[in-house]
Amino acid sequence: MNPNPVGPDGHERHPLLHTNVRDTASRGVGELTAVTHELHTDGRIVRIAHIRPPNGIEWTTSVDNIRPTFESCEG
């Protein structure tokens, strides 16, 4: 169960929003810009983290893969 509130637009108010995070799957570091909820055809809701590194090319990963980091994301 997700403890964070979700708006009507499907965006979660995650406590790490707009902070630097590490994606443990890719080892990439960037700013967490959004956490969205996707409803799949089988009824599952999947939480997706949207991460933007300094080069501006965002990627997504499971929200379970993100960890706070104190590393700078500045290029």
N, C-alpha and C. Protein backbone atom coordinates (compact mmCIF):
# COMPACT_ATOMS: atom_id res chain seq x y z
N MET A 1 0.84 -1.19 0.00
CA MET A 1 0.00 0.00 0.00
C MET A 1 0.88 1.25 0.00
N ASN A 2 0.48 2.25 -0.73
CA ASN A 2 1.23 3.49 -0.87
C ASN A 2 0.83 4.47 0.24
N PRO A 3 1.79 4.94 1.06
CA PRO A 3 1.45 5.87 2.14
C PRO A 3 1.35 7.33 1.70
N ASN A 4 1.73 7.64 0.46
CA ASN A 4 1.75 9.02 -0.01
C ASN A 4 0.47 9.37 -0.75
N PRO A 5 -0.04 10.61 -0.56
CA PRO A 5 -1.26 11.01 -1.27
C PRO A 5 -1.05 11.07 -2.78
N VAL A 6 -2.10 10.75 -3.52
CA VAL A 6 -2.07 10.78 -4.98
C VAL A 6 -3.15 11.74 -5.45
N GLY A 7 -2.75 12.67 -6.33
CA GLY A 7 -3.71 13.64 -6.86
C GLY A 7 -4.59 13.03 -7.93
N PRO A 8 -5.62 13.74 -8.37
CA PRO A 8 -6.52 13.23 -9.40
C PRO A 8 -5.82 13.03 -10.75
N ASP A 9 -4.66 13.65 -10.92
CA ASP A 9 -3.89 13.49 -12.16
C ASP A 9 -3.00 12.25 -12.13
N GLY A 10 -3.02 11.49 -11.03
CA GLY A 10 -2.21 10.28 -10.93
C GLY A 10 -0.79 10.53 -10.45
N HIS A 11 -0.49 11.77 -10.06
CA HIS A 11 0.84 12.10 -9.55
C HIS A 11 0.87 11.95 -8.02
N GLU A 12 1.87 11.23 -7.56
CA GLU A 12 2.03 10.98 -6.13
C GLU A 12 2.86 12.10 -5.49
N ARG A 13 2.49 12.50 -4.31
CA ARG A 13 3.25 13.51 -3.56
C ARG A 13 4.33 12.79 -2.76
N HIS A 14 5.36 12.36 -3.45
CA HIS A 14 6.44 11.57 -2.85
C HIS A 14 7.37 12.47 -2.05
N PRO A 15 7.85 12.01 -0.88
CA PRO A 15 8.71 12.86 -0.06
C PRO A 15 10.07 13.20 -0.70
N LEU A 16 10.51 12.46 -1.70
CA LEU A 16 11.80 12.75 -2.35
C LEU A 16 11.66 13.62 -3.60
N LEU A 17 10.46 14.10 -3.90
CA LEU A 17 10.27 14.95 -5.08
C LEU A 17 11.22 16.15 -5.04
N HIS A 18 11.82 16.42 -6.18
CA HIS A 18 12.72 17.57 -6.37
C HIS A 18 13.99 17.48 -5.54
N THR A 19 14.38 16.24 -5.21
CA THR A 19 15.68 16.01 -4.57
C THR A 19 16.46 15.05 -5.45
N ASN A 20 17.76 14.95 -5.19
CA ASN A 20 18.60 14.04 -5.95
C ASN A 20 18.39 12.61 -5.45
N VAL A 21 18.21 11.70 -6.39
CA VAL A 21 18.03 10.29 -6.06
C VAL A 21 18.94 9.44 -6.93
N ARG A 22 19.18 8.23 -6.48
CA ARG A 22 19.92 7.25 -7.26
C ARG A 22 18.95 6.15 -7.67
N ASP A 23 19.01 5.78 -8.94
CA ASP A 23 18.26 4.63 -9.46
C ASP A 23 19.15 3.41 -9.29
N THR A 24 18.77 2.50 -8.40
CA THR A 24 19.63 1.34 -8.13
C THR A 24 19.72 0.39 -9.31
N ALA A 25 18.75 0.44 -10.23
CA ALA A 25 18.79 -0.44 -11.40
C ALA A 25 19.82 0.03 -12.42
N SER A 26 19.86 1.34 -12.68
CA SER A 26 20.78 1.86 -13.70
C SER A 26 22.02 2.51 -13.09
N ARG A 27 21.97 2.74 -11.79
CA ARG A 27 23.02 3.46 -11.05
C ARG A 27 23.09 4.94 -11.42
N GLY A 28 22.10 5.42 -12.17
CA GLY A 28 22.06 6.83 -12.55
C GLY A 28 21.61 7.69 -11.38
N VAL A 29 22.02 8.96 -11.41
CA VAL A 29 21.66 9.93 -10.39
C VAL A 29 21.01 11.12 -11.08
N GLY A 30 19.92 11.62 -10.49
CA GLY A 30 19.25 12.79 -11.03
C GLY A 30 18.16 13.26 -10.08
N GLU A 31 17.45 14.29 -10.50
CA GLU A 31 16.37 14.85 -9.70
C GLU A 31 15.08 14.06 -9.93
N LEU A 32 14.43 13.68 -8.86
CA LEU A 32 13.12 13.03 -8.97
C LEU A 32 12.11 14.11 -9.31
N THR A 33 11.60 14.09 -10.54
CA THR A 33 10.69 15.13 -11.00
C THR A 33 9.22 14.76 -10.82
N ALA A 34 8.91 13.47 -10.76
CA ALA A 34 7.52 13.05 -10.60
C ALA A 34 7.47 11.57 -10.23
N VAL A 35 6.39 11.19 -9.58
CA VAL A 35 6.04 9.79 -9.39
C VAL A 35 4.61 9.66 -9.87
N THR A 36 4.43 8.84 -10.91
CA THR A 36 3.10 8.65 -11.48
C THR A 36 2.61 7.25 -11.22
N HIS A 37 1.31 7.08 -11.33
CA HIS A 37 0.68 5.77 -11.15
C HIS A 37 0.09 5.35 -12.49
N GLU A 38 0.48 4.17 -12.94
CA GLU A 38 -0.05 3.63 -14.20
C GLU A 38 -0.93 2.43 -13.89
N LEU A 39 -2.13 2.46 -14.43
CA LEU A 39 -3.05 1.34 -14.26
C LEU A 39 -2.86 0.38 -15.43
N HIS A 40 -2.50 -0.85 -15.13
CA HIS A 40 -2.30 -1.86 -16.17
C HIS A 40 -3.60 -2.62 -16.41
N THR A 41 -3.67 -3.29 -17.54
CA THR A 41 -4.91 -3.98 -17.94
C THR A 41 -5.32 -5.07 -16.96
N ASP A 42 -4.36 -5.62 -16.23
CA ASP A 42 -4.71 -6.67 -15.26
C ASP A 42 -5.14 -6.11 -13.91
N GLY A 43 -5.25 -4.77 -13.82
CA GLY A 43 -5.72 -4.13 -12.59
C GLY A 43 -4.63 -3.67 -11.65
N ARG A 44 -3.38 -4.02 -11.94
CA ARG A 44 -2.27 -3.58 -11.08
C ARG A 44 -2.00 -2.10 -11.28
N ILE A 45 -1.64 -1.43 -10.20
CA ILE A 45 -1.17 -0.06 -10.28
C ILE A 45 0.33 -0.09 -10.09
N VAL A 46 1.05 0.46 -11.06
CA VAL A 46 2.50 0.48 -11.03
C VAL A 46 2.96 1.91 -10.76
N ARG A 47 3.83 2.07 -9.76
CA ARG A 47 4.36 3.38 -9.40
C ARG A 47 5.65 3.61 -10.18
N ILE A 48 5.69 4.69 -10.97
CA ILE A 48 6.81 5.00 -11.86
C ILE A 48 7.49 6.28 -11.40
N ALA A 49 8.82 6.20 -11.20
CA ALA A 49 9.62 7.38 -10.84
C ALA A 49 10.19 7.99 -12.12
N HIS A 50 10.10 9.31 -12.24
CA HIS A 50 10.64 10.05 -13.38
C HIS A 50 11.86 10.83 -12.88
N ILE A 51 13.02 10.57 -13.48
CA ILE A 51 14.29 11.12 -13.00
C ILE A 51 14.94 11.92 -14.12
N ARG A 52 15.43 13.13 -13.76
CA ARG A 52 16.10 14.00 -14.74
C ARG A 52 17.53 14.28 -14.28
N PRO A 53 18.53 13.80 -15.03
CA PRO A 53 19.93 14.10 -14.73
C PRO A 53 20.31 15.46 -15.31
N PRO A 54 21.52 15.93 -15.06
CA PRO A 54 21.94 17.24 -15.57
C PRO A 54 21.86 17.38 -17.09
N ASN A 55 22.02 16.28 -17.83
CA ASN A 55 21.96 16.39 -19.30
C ASN A 55 20.54 16.57 -19.81
N GLY A 56 19.54 16.47 -18.93
CA GLY A 56 18.16 16.75 -19.28
C GLY A 56 17.39 15.60 -19.91
N ILE A 57 18.05 14.48 -20.16
CA ILE A 57 17.36 13.34 -20.77
C ILE A 57 16.81 12.45 -19.66
N GLU A 58 15.51 12.58 -19.45
CA GLU A 58 14.87 11.87 -18.35
C GLU A 58 14.73 10.38 -18.64
N TRP A 59 14.64 9.61 -17.57
CA TRP A 59 14.32 8.20 -17.69
C TRP A 59 13.35 7.83 -16.58
N THR A 60 12.76 6.67 -16.69
CA THR A 60 11.83 6.19 -15.68
C THR A 60 12.32 4.87 -15.12
N THR A 61 11.88 4.60 -13.90
CA THR A 61 12.20 3.35 -13.23
C THR A 61 11.11 3.08 -12.21
N SER A 62 11.10 1.91 -11.67
CA SER A 62 10.17 1.60 -10.59
C SER A 62 10.52 2.47 -9.39
N VAL A 63 9.51 2.97 -8.70
CA VAL A 63 9.76 3.80 -7.52
C VAL A 63 10.50 2.99 -6.45
N ASP A 64 10.41 1.68 -6.49
CA ASP A 64 11.12 0.84 -5.52
C ASP A 64 12.63 0.88 -5.75
N ASN A 65 13.06 1.36 -6.92
CA ASN A 65 14.50 1.42 -7.24
C ASN A 65 15.17 2.71 -6.81
N ILE A 66 14.43 3.68 -6.30
CA ILE A 66 15.07 4.97 -6.00
C ILE A 66 15.49 5.06 -4.53
N ARG A 67 16.63 5.71 -4.34
CA ARG A 67 17.18 5.94 -3.00
C ARG A 67 17.66 7.39 -2.94
N PRO A 68 17.53 8.03 -1.79
CA PRO A 68 18.06 9.39 -1.68
C PRO A 68 19.58 9.37 -1.82
N THR A 69 20.13 10.42 -2.38
CA THR A 69 21.58 10.54 -2.48
C THR A 69 21.96 11.95 -2.11
N PHE A 70 23.16 12.10 -1.63
CA PHE A 70 23.66 13.42 -1.29
C PHE A 70 24.65 13.90 -2.31
N GLU A 71 24.75 13.14 -3.43
CA GLU A 71 25.65 13.53 -4.52
C GLU A 71 25.04 14.69 -5.28
N SER A 72 25.89 15.54 -5.78
CA SER A 72 25.43 16.64 -6.62
C SER A 72 25.12 16.10 -8.01
N CYS A 73 24.09 16.62 -8.61
CA CYS A 73 23.73 16.23 -9.99
C CYS A 73 24.27 17.22 -11.00
N GLU A 74 24.99 18.22 -10.55
CA GLU A 74 25.46 19.24 -11.46
C GLU A 74 26.57 18.69 -12.33
N GLY A 75 26.50 19.05 -13.63
CA GLY A 75 27.46 18.56 -14.60
C GLY A 75 28.72 19.29 -14.45
